[in-house]
Amino acid sequence: MPRVCVDWDGTLWADGDWLPGALVALQTFQHEGLRVCVLSARAGFDEGAAQIVRELELAGLQGVELAVKPDAIAYVDNLGVAFAGDWYRTIADVLERAGQRKAVG
């Protein structure tokens, strides 16, 4: 099953709350058969990981993986999908890519 990895801080979560459209995005990815992994430097610390897991559970999201994202000045990746604040555009971009991958693979 293809996986989509999503950053926590500033992409899904900011200022103590979900960003608009973030929950819909994660739910949509799961509904479309994608494995969801949340990436965060916080995941490397017990308290930070617990907070992320708690928020995912409170939102009713199950089966979401959590992985440590290393601290870096930039992440350069040929599979990157830029998040520019519009989750609905990002959902479409990811699902388009997932469809292309299914068609090829």
C-alpha atoms as a PDB file:
ATOM      1  CA  MET A   1       0.000   0.000   0.000  1.00  0.00           C
ATOM      2  CA  PRO A   2       1.476   3.394  -0.935  1.00  0.00           C
ATOM      3  CA  ARG A   3       2.413   5.722   1.909  1.00  0.00           C
ATOM      4  CA  VAL A   4       2.045   9.480   2.221  1.00  0.00           C
ATOM      5  CA  CYS A   5       4.186  11.251   4.826  1.00  0.00           C
ATOM      6  CA  VAL A   6       2.984  14.564   6.227  1.00  0.00           C
ATOM      7  CA  ASP A   7       4.796  17.028   8.452  1.00  0.00           C
ATOM      8  CA  TRP A   8       3.148  17.866  11.789  1.00  0.00           C
ATOM      9  CA  ASP A   9       4.175  21.402  12.793  1.00  0.00           C
ATOM     10  CA  GLY A  10       2.994  24.097  10.425  1.00  0.00           C
ATOM     11  CA  THR A  11       1.429  21.633   8.010  1.00  0.00           C
ATOM     12  CA  LEU A  12      -1.118  19.704  10.064  1.00  0.00           C
ATOM     13  CA  TRP A  13      -0.905  21.544  13.383  1.00  0.00           C
ATOM     14  CA  ALA A  14      -0.200  25.143  14.408  1.00  0.00           C
ATOM     15  CA  ASP A  15      -0.837  27.249  17.493  1.00  0.00           C
ATOM     16  CA  GLY A  16      -2.400  24.332  19.378  1.00  0.00           C
ATOM     17  CA  ASP A  17      -4.943  23.323  16.753  1.00  0.00           C
ATOM     18  CA  TRP A  18      -5.435  21.534  13.451  1.00  0.00           C
ATOM     19  CA  LEU A  19      -4.930  23.665  10.372  1.00  0.00           C
ATOM     20  CA  PRO A  20      -8.064  24.045   8.226  1.00  0.00           C
ATOM     21  CA  GLY A  21      -8.486  20.992   5.998  1.00  0.00           C
ATOM     22  CA  ALA A  22      -5.762  18.942   7.720  1.00  0.00           C
ATOM     23  CA  LEU A  23      -8.098  16.368   9.260  1.00  0.00           C
ATOM     24  CA  VAL A  24     -10.019  16.041   6.002  1.00  0.00           C
ATOM     25  CA  ALA A  25      -6.716  15.447   4.232  1.00  0.00           C
ATOM     26  CA  LEU A  26      -5.624  12.633   6.553  1.00  0.00           C
ATOM     27  CA  GLN A  27      -9.083  11.046   6.441  1.00  0.00           C
ATOM     28  CA  THR A  28      -9.154  11.300   2.640  1.00  0.00           C
ATOM     29  CA  PHE A  29      -5.719   9.744   2.269  1.00  0.00           C
ATOM     30  CA  GLN A  30      -6.764   6.803   4.454  1.00  0.00           C
ATOM     31  CA  HIS A  31     -10.092   6.443   2.637  1.00  0.00           C
ATOM     32  CA  GLU A  32      -8.209   6.319  -0.677  1.00  0.00           C
ATOM     33  CA  GLY A  33      -6.070   3.438   0.592  1.00  0.00           C
ATOM     34  CA  LEU A  34      -2.903   5.331   1.433  1.00  0.00           C
ATOM     35  CA  ARG A  35      -0.878   4.597   4.554  1.00  0.00           C
ATOM     36  CA  VAL A  36      -0.432   7.836   6.479  1.00  0.00           C
ATOM     37  CA  CYS A  37       2.738   8.698   8.359  1.00  0.00           C
ATOM     38  CA  VAL A  38       3.130  11.885  10.398  1.00  0.00           C
ATOM     39  CA  LEU A  39       6.671  13.238  10.544  1.00  0.00           C
ATOM     40  CA  SER A  40       7.891  15.436  13.383  1.00  0.00           C
ATOM     41  CA  ALA A  41      11.075  16.216  15.258  1.00  0.00           C
ATOM     42  CA  ARG A  42       8.796  16.104  18.330  1.00  0.00           C
ATOM     43  CA  ALA A  43       8.320  12.380  17.761  1.00  0.00           C
ATOM     44  CA  GLY A  44      11.857  11.882  19.053  1.00  0.00           C
ATOM     45  CA  PHE A  45      10.794  12.983  22.525  1.00  0.00           C
ATOM     46  CA  ASP A  46       8.364  11.094  24.761  1.00  0.00           C
ATOM     47  CA  GLU A  47       6.247  14.146  25.559  1.00  0.00           C
ATOM     48  CA  GLY A  48       6.101  15.330  21.953  1.00  0.00           C
ATOM     49  CA  ALA A  49       5.229  11.898  20.576  1.00  0.00           C
ATOM     50  CA  ALA A  50       2.533  11.474  23.242  1.00  0.00           C
ATOM     51  CA  GLN A  51       0.970  14.824  22.317  1.00  0.00           C
ATOM     52  CA  ILE A  52       0.807  13.955  18.619  1.00  0.00           C
ATOM     53  CA  VAL A  53      -0.627  10.496  19.291  1.00  0.00           C
ATOM     54  CA  ARG A  54      -3.202  12.024  21.664  1.00  0.00           C
ATOM     55  CA  GLU A  55      -4.341  14.573  19.069  1.00  0.00           C
ATOM     56  CA  LEU A  56      -4.589  11.901  16.358  1.00  0.00           C
ATOM     57  CA  GLU A  57      -6.666   9.709  18.666  1.00  0.00           C
ATOM     58  CA  LEU A  58      -8.923  12.589  19.754  1.00  0.00           C
ATOM     59  CA  ALA A  59      -9.542  13.283  16.067  1.00  0.00           C
ATOM     60  CA  GLY A  60     -10.581   9.654  15.544  1.00  0.00           C
ATOM     61  CA  LEU A  61      -7.632   8.836  13.312  1.00  0.00           C
ATOM     62  CA  GLN A  62      -6.399   5.282  13.672  1.00  0.00           C
ATOM     63  CA  GLY A  63      -3.499   3.477  12.071  1.00  0.00           C
ATOM     64  CA  VAL A  64      -1.449   6.616  11.499  1.00  0.00           C
ATOM     65  CA  GLU A  65       2.284   5.990  11.735  1.00  0.00           C
ATOM     66  CA  LEU A  66       4.541   8.433  13.567  1.00  0.00           C
ATOM     67  CA  ALA A  67       8.180   8.926  12.604  1.00  0.00           C
ATOM     68  CA  VAL A  68      10.992  11.203  13.699  1.00  0.00           C
ATOM     69  CA  LYS A  69      11.790  13.950  11.221  1.00  0.00           C
ATOM     70  CA  PRO A  70      15.386  15.105  11.554  1.00  0.00           C
ATOM     71  CA  ASP A  71      16.057  18.789  12.073  1.00  0.00           C
ATOM     72  CA  ALA A  72      17.240  20.399   8.827  1.00  0.00           C
ATOM     73  CA  ILE A  73      17.316  23.749   7.067  1.00  0.00           C
ATOM     74  CA  ALA A  74      15.549  22.225   4.031  1.00  0.00           C
ATOM     75  CA  TYR A  75      14.146  18.946   2.768  1.00  0.00           C
ATOM     76  CA  VAL A  76      14.912  18.294  -0.886  1.00  0.00           C
ATOM     77  CA  ASP A  77      13.057  15.365  -2.369  1.00  0.00           C
ATOM     78  CA  ASN A  78      11.983  14.329  -5.868  1.00  0.00           C
ATOM     79  CA  LEU A  79       8.650  13.082  -4.468  1.00  0.00           C
ATOM     80  CA  GLY A  80       7.835  16.229  -2.506  1.00  0.00           C
ATOM     81  CA  VAL A  81       4.438  17.886  -2.670  1.00  0.00           C
ATOM     82  CA  ALA A  82       4.635  21.474  -1.489  1.00  0.00           C
ATOM     83  CA  PHE A  83       2.089  22.571   1.099  1.00  0.00           C
ATOM     84  CA  ALA A  84       1.223  26.228   0.539  1.00  0.00           C
ATOM     85  CA  GLY A  85      -1.611  26.489   3.054  1.00  0.00           C
ATOM     86  CA  ASP A  86      -4.371  24.971   0.889  1.00  0.00           C
ATOM     87  CA  TRP A  87      -5.132  21.425   1.993  1.00  0.00           C
ATOM     88  CA  TYR A  88      -7.694  20.849  -0.741  1.00  0.00           C
ATOM     89  CA  ARG A  89      -5.123  21.587  -3.470  1.00  0.00           C
ATOM     90  CA  THR A  90      -2.609  19.394  -1.633  1.00  0.00           C
ATOM     91  CA  ILE A  91      -5.103  16.515  -1.390  1.00  0.00           C
ATOM     92  CA  ALA A  92      -5.646  16.705  -5.156  1.00  0.00           C
ATOM     93  CA  ASP A  93      -1.904  16.764  -5.820  1.00  0.00           C
ATOM     94  CA  VAL A  94      -1.262  13.715  -3.616  1.00  0.00           C
ATOM     95  CA  LEU A  95      -4.169  11.719  -5.023  1.00  0.00           C
ATOM     96  CA  GLU A  96      -3.094  12.556  -8.572  1.00  0.00           C
ATOM     97  CA  ARG A  97       0.374  11.260  -7.779  1.00  0.00           C
ATOM     98  CA  ALA A  98      -1.078   8.150  -6.104  1.00  0.00           C
ATOM     99  CA  GLY A  99      -3.167   7.463  -9.212  1.00  0.00           C
ATOM    100  CA  GLN A 100      -0.134   7.766 -11.459  1.00  0.00           C
ATOM    101  CA  ARG A 101       1.786   5.395  -9.221  1.00  0.00           C
ATOM    102  CA  LYS A 102      -1.026   2.836  -9.250  1.00  0.00           C
ATOM    103  CA  ALA A 103      -1.265   3.060 -13.032  1.00  0.00           C
ATOM    104  CA  VAL A 104       2.463   2.453 -13.391  1.00  0.00           C
ATOM    105  CA  GLY A 105       2.926  -0.062 -10.577  1.00  0.00           C
END
